[in-house]
């Protein structure tokens, strides 16, 4: 989520049935040990966006490689990730709408 975006983690933890999370991945990326980044980093760095990064860890070696293919991802994983995304987005809408309303006052 990034600095100052703890509110997103709180929304996530309240919005999904079985929230799971760790800062380990962020620590690994920030340390420079792992040369890659997530797809979200461009939005964070170039646009100043805050967000929630969902990561699939099973068989992650193929991600963004010539072996990457939708058929390599379990249907249940896609279903859970999609459900999580929808749950969090719906929980964020009232917060984002309230912020816009407050800014217009």
PDB file of N, CA and C in Angstrom:
ATOM      1  N   UNK A   1       0.817  -1.197   0.000  1.00  0.00           N
ATOM      2  CA  UNK A   1       0.000   0.000   0.000  1.00  0.00           C
ATOM      3  C   UNK A   1       0.855   1.254   0.000  1.00  0.00           C
ATOM      4  N   UNK A   2       1.962   1.245   0.694  1.00  0.00           N
ATOM      5  CA  UNK A   2       2.848   2.392   0.734  1.00  0.00           C
ATOM      6  C   UNK A   2       2.634   3.240   1.967  1.00  0.00           C
ATOM      7  N   UNK A   3       3.516   4.189   2.143  1.00  0.00           N
ATOM      8  CA  UNK A   3       3.447   5.071   3.315  1.00  0.00           C
ATOM      9  C   UNK A   3       2.165   5.908   3.286  1.00  0.00           C
ATOM     10  N   UNK A   4       1.535   6.030   4.433  1.00  0.00           N
ATOM     11  CA  UNK A   4       0.329   6.833   4.533  1.00  0.00           C
ATOM     12  C   UNK A   4      -0.926   6.167   3.997  1.00  0.00           C
ATOM     13  N   UNK A   5      -0.815   4.902   3.656  1.00  0.00           N
ATOM     14  CA  UNK A   5      -1.965   4.215   3.068  1.00  0.00           C
ATOM     15  C   UNK A   5      -2.470   3.085   3.957  1.00  0.00           C
ATOM     16  N   UNK A   6      -2.208   3.191   5.253  1.00  0.00           N
ATOM     17  CA  UNK A   6      -2.679   2.178   6.180  1.00  0.00           C
ATOM     18  C   UNK A   6      -4.186   2.041   6.189  1.00  0.00           C
ATOM     19  N   UNK A   7      -4.880   3.111   5.801  1.00  0.00           N
ATOM     20  CA  UNK A   7      -6.336   3.055   5.754  1.00  0.00           C
ATOM     21  C   UNK A   7      -6.815   1.981   4.772  1.00  0.00           C
ATOM     22  N   UNK A   8      -6.048   1.753   3.715  1.00  0.00           N
ATOM     23  CA  UNK A   8      -6.429   0.739   2.727  1.00  0.00           C
ATOM     24  C   UNK A   8      -6.349  -0.654   3.357  1.00  0.00           C
ATOM     25  N   UNK A   9      -5.320  -0.892   4.152  1.00  0.00           N
ATOM     26  CA  UNK A   9      -5.210  -2.177   4.844  1.00  0.00           C
ATOM     27  C   UNK A   9      -6.366  -2.379   5.805  1.00  0.00           C
ATOM     28  N   UNK A  10      -6.775  -1.316   6.482  1.00  0.00           N
ATOM     29  CA  UNK A  10      -7.923  -1.423   7.398  1.00  0.00           C
ATOM     30  C   UNK A  10      -9.201  -1.741   6.633  1.00  0.00           C
ATOM     31  N   UNK A  11      -9.421  -1.070   5.508  1.00  0.00           N
ATOM     32  CA  UNK A  11     -10.604  -1.355   4.690  1.00  0.00           C
ATOM     33  C   UNK A  11     -10.576  -2.803   4.223  1.00  0.00           C
ATOM     34  N   UNK A  12      -9.427  -3.241   3.751  1.00  0.00           N
ATOM     35  CA  UNK A  12      -9.274  -4.627   3.305  1.00  0.00           C
ATOM     36  C   UNK A  12      -9.608  -5.607   4.424  1.00  0.00           C
ATOM     37  N   UNK A  13      -9.048  -5.362   5.604  1.00  0.00           N
ATOM     38  CA  UNK A  13      -9.252  -6.307   6.703  1.00  0.00           C
ATOM     39  C   UNK A  13     -10.706  -6.382   7.146  1.00  0.00           C
ATOM     40  N   UNK A  14     -11.455  -5.315   6.938  1.00  0.00           N
ATOM     41  CA  UNK A  14     -12.870  -5.303   7.311  1.00  0.00           C
ATOM     42  C   UNK A  14     -13.783  -5.770   6.176  1.00  0.00           C
ATOM     43  N   UNK A  15     -13.311  -5.683   4.940  1.00  0.00           N
ATOM     44  CA  UNK A  15     -14.173  -5.946   3.789  1.00  0.00           C
ATOM     45  C   UNK A  15     -14.191  -7.408   3.342  1.00  0.00           C
ATOM     46  N   UNK A  16     -13.101  -8.126   3.560  1.00  0.00           N
ATOM     47  CA  UNK A  16     -13.041  -9.492   3.053  1.00  0.00           C
ATOM     48  C   UNK A  16     -13.270 -10.496   4.179  1.00  0.00           C
ATOM     49  N   UNK A  17     -13.778 -11.656   3.804  1.00  0.00           N
ATOM     50  CA  UNK A  17     -14.137 -12.673   4.791  1.00  0.00           C
ATOM     51  C   UNK A  17     -12.920 -13.218   5.543  1.00  0.00           C
ATOM     52  N   UNK A  18     -11.840 -13.480   4.829  1.00  0.00           N
ATOM     53  CA  UNK A  18     -10.637 -14.041   5.458  1.00  0.00           C
ATOM     54  C   UNK A  18      -9.407 -13.260   5.005  1.00  0.00           C
ATOM     55  N   UNK A  19      -9.190 -12.086   5.591  1.00  0.00           N
ATOM     56  CA  UNK A  19      -8.050 -11.266   5.153  1.00  0.00           C
ATOM     57  C   UNK A  19      -6.718 -11.912   5.523  1.00  0.00           C
ATOM     58  N   UNK A  20      -5.776 -11.762   4.630  1.00  0.00           N
ATOM     59  CA  UNK A  20      -4.412 -12.235   4.865  1.00  0.00           C
ATOM     60  C   UNK A  20      -3.465 -11.191   4.323  1.00  0.00           C
ATOM     61  N   UNK A  21      -2.379 -11.006   5.015  1.00  0.00           N
ATOM     62  CA  UNK A  21      -1.420 -10.035   4.524  1.00  0.00           C
ATOM     63  C   UNK A  21      -0.102 -10.140   5.254  1.00  0.00           C
ATOM     64  N   UNK A  22       0.924  -9.597   4.623  1.00  0.00           N
ATOM     65  CA  UNK A  22       2.250  -9.573   5.212  1.00  0.00           C
ATOM     66  C   UNK A  22       3.021  -8.395   4.626  1.00  0.00           C
ATOM     67  N   UNK A  23       3.947  -7.899   5.395  1.00  0.00           N
ATOM     68  CA  UNK A  23       4.818  -6.840   4.889  1.00  0.00           C
ATOM     69  C   UNK A  23       6.105  -7.423   4.315  1.00  0.00           C
ATOM     70  N   UNK A  24       6.249  -8.735   4.410  1.00  0.00           N
ATOM     71  CA  UNK A  24       7.475  -9.375   3.952  1.00  0.00           C
ATOM     72  C   UNK A  24       7.779  -9.070   2.486  1.00  0.00           C
ATOM     73  N   UNK A  25       6.782  -9.192   1.631  1.00  0.00           N
ATOM     74  CA  UNK A  25       6.997  -8.913   0.212  1.00  0.00           C
ATOM     75  C   UNK A  25       7.481  -7.496  -0.023  1.00  0.00           C
ATOM     76  N   UNK A  26       6.866  -6.534   0.654  1.00  0.00           N
ATOM     77  CA  UNK A  26       7.275  -5.137   0.506  1.00  0.00           C
ATOM     78  C   UNK A  26       8.707  -4.936   0.983  1.00  0.00           C
ATOM     79  N   UNK A  27       9.058  -5.579   2.084  1.00  0.00           N
ATOM     80  CA  UNK A  27      10.419  -5.470   2.606  1.00  0.00           C
ATOM     81  C   UNK A  27      11.437  -6.041   1.611  1.00  0.00           C
ATOM     82  N   UNK A  28      11.098  -7.158   0.987  1.00  0.00           N
ATOM     83  CA  UNK A  28      11.995  -7.760  -0.007  1.00  0.00           C
ATOM     84  C   UNK A  28      12.167  -6.819  -1.195  1.00  0.00           C
ATOM     85  N   UNK A  29      11.066  -6.262  -1.705  1.00  0.00           N
ATOM     86  CA  UNK A  29      11.164  -5.331  -2.831  1.00  0.00           C
ATOM     87  C   UNK A  29      11.971  -4.092  -2.453  1.00  0.00           C
ATOM     88  N   UNK A  30      11.697  -3.527  -1.273  1.00  0.00           N
ATOM     89  CA  UNK A  30      12.386  -2.308  -0.841  1.00  0.00           C
ATOM     90  C   UNK A  30      13.877  -2.529  -0.596  1.00  0.00           C
ATOM     91  N   UNK A  31      14.262  -3.747  -0.214  1.00  0.00           N
ATOM     92  CA  UNK A  31      15.665  -4.026   0.089  1.00  0.00           C
ATOM     93  C   UNK A  31      16.535  -4.070  -1.165  1.00  0.00           C
ATOM     94  N   UNK A  32      15.925  -4.313  -2.323  1.00  0.00           N
ATOM     95  CA  UNK A  32      16.686  -4.435  -3.560  1.00  0.00           C
ATOM     96  C   UNK A  32      17.217  -5.838  -3.805  1.00  0.00           C
ATOM     97  N   UNK A  33      16.956  -6.770  -2.884  1.00  0.00           N
ATOM     98  CA  UNK A  33      17.408  -8.156  -3.054  1.00  0.00           C
ATOM     99  C   UNK A  33      16.760  -8.782  -4.273  1.00  0.00           C
ATOM    100  N   UNK A  34      15.494  -8.498  -4.464  1.00  0.00           N
ATOM    101  CA  UNK A  34      14.751  -9.014  -5.614  1.00  0.00           C
ATOM    102  C   UNK A  34      14.684  -7.901  -6.646  1.00  0.00           C
ATOM    103  N   UNK A  35      15.157  -8.134  -7.863  1.00  0.00           N
ATOM    104  CA  UNK A  35      15.244  -7.063  -8.851  1.00  0.00           C
ATOM    105  C   UNK A  35      13.909  -6.650  -9.478  1.00  0.00           C
ATOM    106  N   UNK A  36      12.840  -7.376  -9.217  1.00  0.00           N
ATOM    107  CA  UNK A  36      11.566  -7.077  -9.857  1.00  0.00           C
ATOM    108  C   UNK A  36      10.725  -6.091  -9.071  1.00  0.00           C
ATOM    109  N   UNK A  37       9.601  -5.769  -9.628  1.00  0.00           N
ATOM    110  CA  UNK A  37       8.617  -4.913  -8.991  1.00  0.00           C
ATOM    111  C   UNK A  37       7.238  -5.485  -9.275  1.00  0.00           C
ATOM    112  N   UNK A  38       6.250  -4.907  -8.681  1.00  0.00           N
ATOM    113  CA  UNK A  38       4.890  -5.335  -8.967  1.00  0.00           C
ATOM    114  C   UNK A  38       4.319  -4.459 -10.082  1.00  0.00           C
ATOM    115  N   UNK A  39       3.182  -4.865 -10.611  1.00  0.00           N
ATOM    116  CA  UNK A  39       2.534  -4.085 -11.666  1.00  0.00           C
ATOM    117  C   UNK A  39       2.048  -2.740 -11.148  1.00  0.00           C
ATOM    118  N   UNK A  40       1.835  -2.639  -9.859  1.00  0.00           N
ATOM    119  CA  UNK A  40       1.269  -1.422  -9.283  1.00  0.00           C
ATOM    120  C   UNK A  40       2.295  -0.297  -9.142  1.00  0.00           C
ATOM    121  N   UNK A  41       3.581  -0.617  -9.121  1.00  0.00           N
ATOM    122  CA  UNK A  41       4.606   0.368  -8.789  1.00  0.00           C
ATOM    123  C   UNK A  41       4.573   1.590  -9.715  1.00  0.00           C
ATOM    124  N   UNK A  42       4.250   1.422 -10.968  1.00  0.00           N
ATOM    125  CA  UNK A  42       4.211   2.570 -11.881  1.00  0.00           C
ATOM    126  C   UNK A  42       3.117   3.552 -11.473  1.00  0.00           C
ATOM    127  N   UNK A  43       2.001   3.063 -11.010  1.00  0.00           N
ATOM    128  CA  UNK A  43       0.927   3.956 -10.564  1.00  0.00           C
ATOM    129  C   UNK A  43       1.330   4.684  -9.274  1.00  0.00           C
ATOM    130  N   UNK A  44       2.025   3.977  -8.399  1.00  0.00           N
ATOM    131  CA  UNK A  44       2.487   4.582  -7.148  1.00  0.00           C
ATOM    132  C   UNK A  44       3.542   5.641  -7.420  1.00  0.00           C
ATOM    133  N   UNK A  45       4.552   5.285  -8.216  1.00  0.00           N
ATOM    134  CA  UNK A  45       5.685   6.187  -8.425  1.00  0.00           C
ATOM    135  C   UNK A  45       5.385   7.343  -9.369  1.00  0.00           C
ATOM    136  N   UNK A  46       4.630   7.097 -10.423  1.00  0.00           N
ATOM    137  CA  UNK A  46       4.364   8.135 -11.409  1.00  0.00           C
ATOM    138  C   UNK A  46       3.103   8.937 -11.115  1.00  0.00           C
ATOM    139  N   UNK A  47       2.129   8.303 -10.499  1.00  0.00           N
ATOM    140  CA  UNK A  47       0.865   8.983 -10.270  1.00  0.00           C
ATOM    141  C   UNK A  47       0.564   9.299  -8.825  1.00  0.00           C
ATOM    142  N   UNK A  48       1.413   8.812  -7.911  1.00  0.00           N
ATOM    143  CA  UNK A  48       1.177   9.057  -6.502  1.00  0.00           C
ATOM    144  C   UNK A  48      -0.031   8.308  -5.953  1.00  0.00           C
ATOM    145  N   UNK A  49      -0.441   7.270  -6.638  1.00  0.00           N
ATOM    146  CA  UNK A  49      -1.617   6.511  -6.213  1.00  0.00           C
ATOM    147  C   UNK A  49      -1.307   5.666  -4.991  1.00  0.00           C
ATOM    148  N   UNK A  50      -2.323   5.437  -4.212  1.00  0.00           N
ATOM    149  CA  UNK A  50      -2.259   4.474  -3.127  1.00  0.00           C
ATOM    150  C   UNK A  50      -3.120   3.297  -3.534  1.00  0.00           C
ATOM    151  N   UNK A  51      -2.729   2.106  -3.133  1.00  0.00           N
ATOM    152  CA  UNK A  51      -3.507   0.953  -3.531  1.00  0.00           C
ATOM    153  C   UNK A  51      -3.137  -0.287  -2.771  1.00  0.00           C
ATOM    154  N   UNK A  52      -3.801  -1.347  -3.119  1.00  0.00           N
ATOM    155  CA  UNK A  52      -3.590  -2.644  -2.498  1.00  0.00           C
ATOM    156  C   UNK A  52      -3.034  -3.574  -3.564  1.00  0.00           C
ATOM    157  N   UNK A  53      -1.913  -4.179  -3.276  1.00  0.00           N
ATOM    158  CA  UNK A  53      -1.248  -5.056  -4.236  1.00  0.00           C
ATOM    159  C   UNK A  53      -1.577  -6.501  -3.886  1.00  0.00           C
ATOM    160  N   UNK A  54      -2.249  -7.199  -4.783  1.00  0.00           N
ATOM    161  CA  UNK A  54      -2.548  -8.608  -4.596  1.00  0.00           C
ATOM    162  C   UNK A  54      -1.465  -9.417  -5.299  1.00  0.00           C
ATOM    163  N   UNK A  55      -0.910 -10.384  -4.602  1.00  0.00           N
ATOM    164  CA  UNK A  55       0.195 -11.165  -5.148  1.00  0.00           C
ATOM    165  C   UNK A  55      -0.152 -12.648  -5.098  1.00  0.00           C
ATOM    166  N   UNK A  56       0.079 -13.328  -6.192  1.00  0.00           N
ATOM    167  CA  UNK A  56      -0.077 -14.777  -6.246  1.00  0.00           C
ATOM    168  C   UNK A  56       1.307 -15.384  -6.061  1.00  0.00           C
ATOM    169  N   UNK A  57       1.449 -16.259  -5.080  1.00  0.00           N
ATOM    170  CA  UNK A  57       2.783 -16.771  -4.776  1.00  0.00           C
ATOM    171  C   UNK A  57       3.013 -18.202  -5.231  1.00  0.00           C
ATOM    172  N   UNK A  58       1.970 -18.967  -5.480  1.00  0.00           N
ATOM    173  CA  UNK A  58       2.157 -20.341  -5.907  1.00  0.00           C
ATOM    174  C   UNK A  58       2.684 -20.370  -7.345  1.00  0.00           C
ATOM    175  N   UNK A  59       3.756 -21.069  -7.563  1.00  0.00           N
ATOM    176  CA  UNK A  59       4.385 -21.164  -8.883  1.00  0.00           C
ATOM    177  C   UNK A  59       4.693 -19.785  -9.469  1.00  0.00           C
ATOM    178  N   UNK A  60       5.124 -18.870  -8.636  1.00  0.00           N
ATOM    179  CA  UNK A  60       5.393 -17.502  -9.064  1.00  0.00           C
ATOM    180  C   UNK A  60       6.569 -17.346 -10.002  1.00  0.00           C
ATOM    181  N   UNK A  61       7.378 -18.380 -10.136  1.00  0.00           N
ATOM    182  CA  UNK A  61       8.554 -18.288 -11.006  1.00  0.00           C
ATOM    183  C   UNK A  61       8.184 -18.021 -12.465  1.00  0.00           C
ATOM    184  N   UNK A  62       6.990 -18.408 -12.866  1.00  0.00           N
ATOM    185  CA  UNK A  62       6.593 -18.222 -14.256  1.00  0.00           C
ATOM    186  C   UNK A  62       5.977 -16.871 -14.552  1.00  0.00           C
ATOM    187  N   UNK A  63       5.702 -16.101 -13.505  1.00  0.00           N
ATOM    188  CA  UNK A  63       5.025 -14.824 -13.671  1.00  0.00           C
ATOM    189  C   UNK A  63       5.861 -13.875 -14.522  1.00  0.00           C
ATOM    190  N   UNK A  64       5.248 -13.290 -15.532  1.00  0.00           N
ATOM    191  CA  UNK A  64       5.897 -12.374 -16.471  1.00  0.00           C
ATOM    192  C   UNK A  64       7.098 -13.022 -17.165  1.00  0.00           C
ATOM    193  N   UNK A  65       6.979 -14.294 -17.451  1.00  0.00           N
ATOM    194  CA  UNK A  65       8.023 -15.005 -18.181  1.00  0.00           C
ATOM    195  C   UNK A  65       7.376 -15.636 -19.413  1.00  0.00           C
ATOM    196  N   UNK A  66       8.174 -16.248 -20.282  1.00  0.00           N
ATOM    197  CA  UNK A  66       7.576 -16.938 -21.436  1.00  0.00           C
ATOM    198  C   UNK A  66       6.618 -18.065 -21.036  1.00  0.00           C
ATOM    199  N   UNK A  67       6.709 -18.513 -19.787  1.00  0.00           N
ATOM    200  CA  UNK A  67       5.844 -19.587 -19.301  1.00  0.00           C
ATOM    201  C   UNK A  67       4.542 -19.062 -18.700  1.00  0.00           C
ATOM    202  N   UNK A  68       4.387 -17.763 -18.650  1.00  0.00           N
ATOM    203  CA  UNK A  68       3.200 -17.143 -18.055  1.00  0.00           C
ATOM    204  C   UNK A  68       2.004 -17.340 -18.982  1.00  0.00           C
ATOM    205  N   UNK A  69       0.932 -17.889 -18.445  1.00  0.00           N
ATOM    206  CA  UNK A  69      -0.277 -18.112 -19.233  1.00  0.00           C
ATOM    207  C   UNK A  69      -1.466 -18.223 -18.284  1.00  0.00           C
ATOM    208  N   UNK A  70      -2.620 -17.744 -18.695  1.00  0.00           N
ATOM    209  CA  UNK A  70      -3.807 -17.849 -17.838  1.00  0.00           C
ATOM    210  C   UNK A  70      -4.114 -19.284 -17.408  1.00  0.00           C
ATOM    211  N   UNK A  71      -3.755 -20.232 -18.245  1.00  0.00           N
ATOM    212  CA  UNK A  71      -4.035 -21.638 -17.914  1.00  0.00           C
ATOM    213  C   UNK A  71      -3.190 -22.134 -16.746  1.00  0.00           C
ATOM    214  N   UNK A  72      -2.147 -21.392 -16.393  1.00  0.00           N
ATOM    215  CA  UNK A  72      -1.272 -21.779 -15.283  1.00  0.00           C
ATOM    216  C   UNK A  72      -1.816 -21.336 -13.932  1.00  0.00           C
ATOM    217  N   UNK A  73      -2.871 -20.541 -13.933  1.00  0.00           N
ATOM    218  CA  UNK A  73      -3.451 -20.044 -12.684  1.00  0.00           C
ATOM    219  C   UNK A  73      -4.719 -20.830 -12.387  1.00  0.00           C
ATOM    220  N   UNK A  74      -4.797 -21.355 -11.191  1.00  0.00           N
ATOM    221  CA  UNK A  74      -5.947 -22.119 -10.748  1.00  0.00           C
ATOM    222  C   UNK A  74      -7.204 -21.253 -10.778  1.00  0.00           C
ATOM    223  N   UNK A  75      -8.304 -21.805 -11.290  1.00  0.00           N
ATOM    224  CA  UNK A  75      -9.556 -21.051 -11.377  1.00  0.00           C
ATOM    225  C   UNK A  75     -10.009 -20.522 -10.021  1.00  0.00           C
ATOM    226  N   UNK A  76      -9.800 -21.300  -8.957  1.00  0.00           N
ATOM    227  CA  UNK A  76     -10.186 -20.856  -7.621  1.00  0.00           C
ATOM    228  C   UNK A  76      -9.427 -19.620  -7.170  1.00  0.00           C
ATOM    229  N   UNK A  77      -8.168 -19.541  -7.561  1.00  0.00           N
ATOM    230  CA  UNK A  77      -7.348 -18.371  -7.216  1.00  0.00           C
ATOM    231  C   UNK A  77      -7.897 -17.134  -7.909  1.00  0.00           C
ATOM    232  N   UNK A  78      -8.243 -17.268  -9.180  1.00  0.00           N
ATOM    233  CA  UNK A  78      -8.800 -16.138  -9.927  1.00  0.00           C
ATOM    234  C   UNK A  78     -10.131 -15.707  -9.315  1.00  0.00           C
ATOM    235  N   UNK A  79     -10.944 -16.661  -8.940  1.00  0.00           N
ATOM    236  CA  UNK A  79     -12.237 -16.359  -8.331  1.00  0.00           C
ATOM    237  C   UNK A  79     -12.053 -15.626  -7.004  1.00  0.00           C
ATOM    238  N   UNK A  80     -11.142 -16.104  -6.153  1.00  0.00           N
ATOM    239  CA  UNK A  80     -10.913 -15.450  -4.859  1.00  0.00           C
ATOM    240  C   UNK A  80     -10.314 -14.058  -5.034  1.00  0.00           C
ATOM    241  N   UNK A  81      -9.369 -13.910  -5.952  1.00  0.00           N
ATOM    242  CA  UNK A  81      -8.760 -12.596  -6.187  1.00  0.00           C
ATOM    243  C   UNK A  81      -9.794 -11.612  -6.719  1.00  0.00           C
ATOM    244  N   UNK A  82     -10.644 -12.085  -7.620  1.00  0.00           N
ATOM    245  CA  UNK A  82     -11.703 -11.217  -8.146  1.00  0.00           C
ATOM    246  C   UNK A  82     -12.697 -10.827  -7.065  1.00  0.00           C
ATOM    247  N   UNK A  83     -13.086 -11.787  -6.239  1.00  0.00           N
ATOM    248  CA  UNK A  83     -14.006 -11.497  -5.144  1.00  0.00           C
ATOM    249  C   UNK A  83     -13.416 -10.513  -4.147  1.00  0.00           C
ATOM    250  N   UNK A  84     -12.143 -10.696  -3.844  1.00  0.00           N
ATOM    251  CA  UNK A  84     -11.454  -9.773  -2.933  1.00  0.00           C
ATOM    252  C   UNK A  84     -11.418  -8.368  -3.525  1.00  0.00           C
ATOM    253  N   UNK A  85     -11.096  -8.274  -4.802  1.00  0.00           N
ATOM    254  CA  UNK A  85     -11.032  -6.977  -5.471  1.00  0.00           C
ATOM    255  C   UNK A  85     -12.384  -6.265  -5.424  1.00  0.00           C
ATOM    256  N   UNK A  86     -13.440  -6.995  -5.716  1.00  0.00           N
ATOM    257  CA  UNK A  86     -14.782  -6.402  -5.694  1.00  0.00           C
ATOM    258  C   UNK A  86     -15.160  -5.983  -4.279  1.00  0.00           C
ATOM    259  N   UNK A  87     -14.911  -6.842  -3.290  1.00  0.00           N
ATOM    260  CA  UNK A  87     -15.249  -6.517  -1.903  1.00  0.00           C
ATOM    261  C   UNK A  87     -14.536  -5.251  -1.428  1.00  0.00           C
ATOM    262  N   UNK A  88     -13.250  -5.155  -1.733  1.00  0.00           N
ATOM    263  CA  UNK A  88     -12.473  -3.985  -1.300  1.00  0.00           C
ATOM    264  C   UNK A  88     -12.922  -2.732  -2.050  1.00  0.00           C
ATOM    265  N   UNK A  89     -13.144  -2.853  -3.349  1.00  0.00           N
ATOM    266  CA  UNK A  89     -13.594  -1.698  -4.135  1.00  0.00           C
ATOM    267  C   UNK A  89     -14.935  -1.176  -3.619  1.00  0.00           C
ATOM    268  N   UNK A  90     -15.861  -2.066  -3.337  1.00  0.00           N
ATOM    269  CA  UNK A  90     -17.168  -1.640  -2.818  1.00  0.00           C
ATOM    270  C   UNK A  90     -17.032  -0.990  -1.444  1.00  0.00           C
ATOM    271  N   UNK A  91     -16.110  -1.482  -0.621  1.00  0.00           N
ATOM    272  CA  UNK A  91     -15.892  -0.885   0.699  1.00  0.00           C
ATOM    273  C   UNK A  91     -15.213   0.478   0.595  1.00  0.00           C
ATOM    274  N   UNK A  92     -14.428   0.699  -0.450  1.00  0.00           N
ATOM    275  CA  UNK A  92     -13.724   1.974  -0.623  1.00  0.00           C
ATOM    276  C   UNK A  92     -14.623   3.070  -1.200  1.00  0.00           C
ATOM    277  N   UNK A  93     -15.644   2.699  -1.936  1.00  0.00           N
ATOM    278  CA  UNK A  93     -16.490   3.699  -2.591  1.00  0.00           C
ATOM    279  C   UNK A  93     -17.044   4.750  -1.638  1.00  0.00           C
ATOM    280  N   UNK A  94     -17.643   4.370  -0.515  1.00  0.00           N
ATOM    281  CA  UNK A  94     -18.166   5.409   0.379  1.00  0.00           C
ATOM    282  C   UNK A  94     -17.072   6.327   0.926  1.00  0.00           C
ATOM    283  N   UNK A  95     -15.891   5.771   1.167  1.00  0.00           N
ATOM    284  CA  UNK A  95     -14.782   6.574   1.680  1.00  0.00           C
ATOM    285  C   UNK A  95     -14.327   7.571   0.625  1.00  0.00           C
ATOM    286  N   UNK A  96     -14.162   7.100  -0.594  1.00  0.00           N
ATOM    287  CA  UNK A  96     -13.717   7.979  -1.669  1.00  0.00           C
ATOM    288  C   UNK A  96     -14.775   9.035  -1.995  1.00  0.00           C
ATOM    289  N   UNK A  97     -16.039   8.646  -1.952  1.00  0.00           N
ATOM    290  CA  UNK A  97     -17.113   9.601  -2.214  1.00  0.00           C
ATOM    291  C   UNK A  97     -17.156  10.667  -1.127  1.00  0.00           C
ATOM    292  N   UNK A  98     -16.973  10.262   0.127  1.00  0.00           N
ATOM    293  CA  UNK A  98     -16.975  11.217   1.237  1.00  0.00           C
ATOM    294  C   UNK A  98     -15.828  12.209   1.106  1.00  0.00           C
ATOM    295  N   UNK A  99     -14.649  11.725   0.693  1.00  0.00           N
ATOM    296  CA  UNK A  99     -13.504  12.615   0.511  1.00  0.00           C
ATOM    297  C   UNK A  99     -13.775  13.632  -0.590  1.00  0.00           C
ATOM    298  N   UNK A 100     -14.404  13.207  -1.681  1.00  0.00           N
ATOM    299  CA  UNK A 100     -14.726  14.139  -2.770  1.00  0.00           C
ATOM    300  C   UNK A 100     -15.763  15.158  -2.305  1.00  0.00           C
ATOM    301  N   UNK A 101     -16.743  14.698  -1.533  1.00  0.00           N
ATOM    302  CA  UNK A 101     -17.774  15.605  -1.032  1.00  0.00           C
ATOM    303  C   UNK A 101     -17.170  16.639  -0.092  1.00  0.00           C
ATOM    304  N   UNK A 102     -16.244  16.184   0.770  1.00  0.00           N
ATOM    305  CA  UNK A 102     -15.575  17.093   1.702  1.00  0.00           C
ATOM    306  C   UNK A 102     -14.711  18.110   0.964  1.00  0.00           C
ATOM    307  N   UNK A 103     -14.068  17.680  -0.113  1.00  0.00           N
ATOM    308  CA  UNK A 103     -13.188  18.571  -0.883  1.00  0.00           C
ATOM    309  C   UNK A 103     -13.996  19.645  -1.601  1.00  0.00           C
ATOM    310  N   UNK A 104     -15.231  19.317  -1.950  1.00  0.00           N
ATOM    311  CA  UNK A 104     -16.078  20.280  -2.661  1.00  0.00           C
ATOM    312  C   UNK A 104     -16.785  21.258  -1.751  1.00  0.00           C
ATOM    313  N   UNK A 105     -16.697  21.041  -0.456  1.00  0.00           N
ATOM    314  CA  UNK A 105     -17.391  21.923   0.490  1.00  0.00           C
ATOM    315  C   UNK A 105     -16.696  23.222   0.692  1.00  0.00           C
TER     316      UNK A 105
END
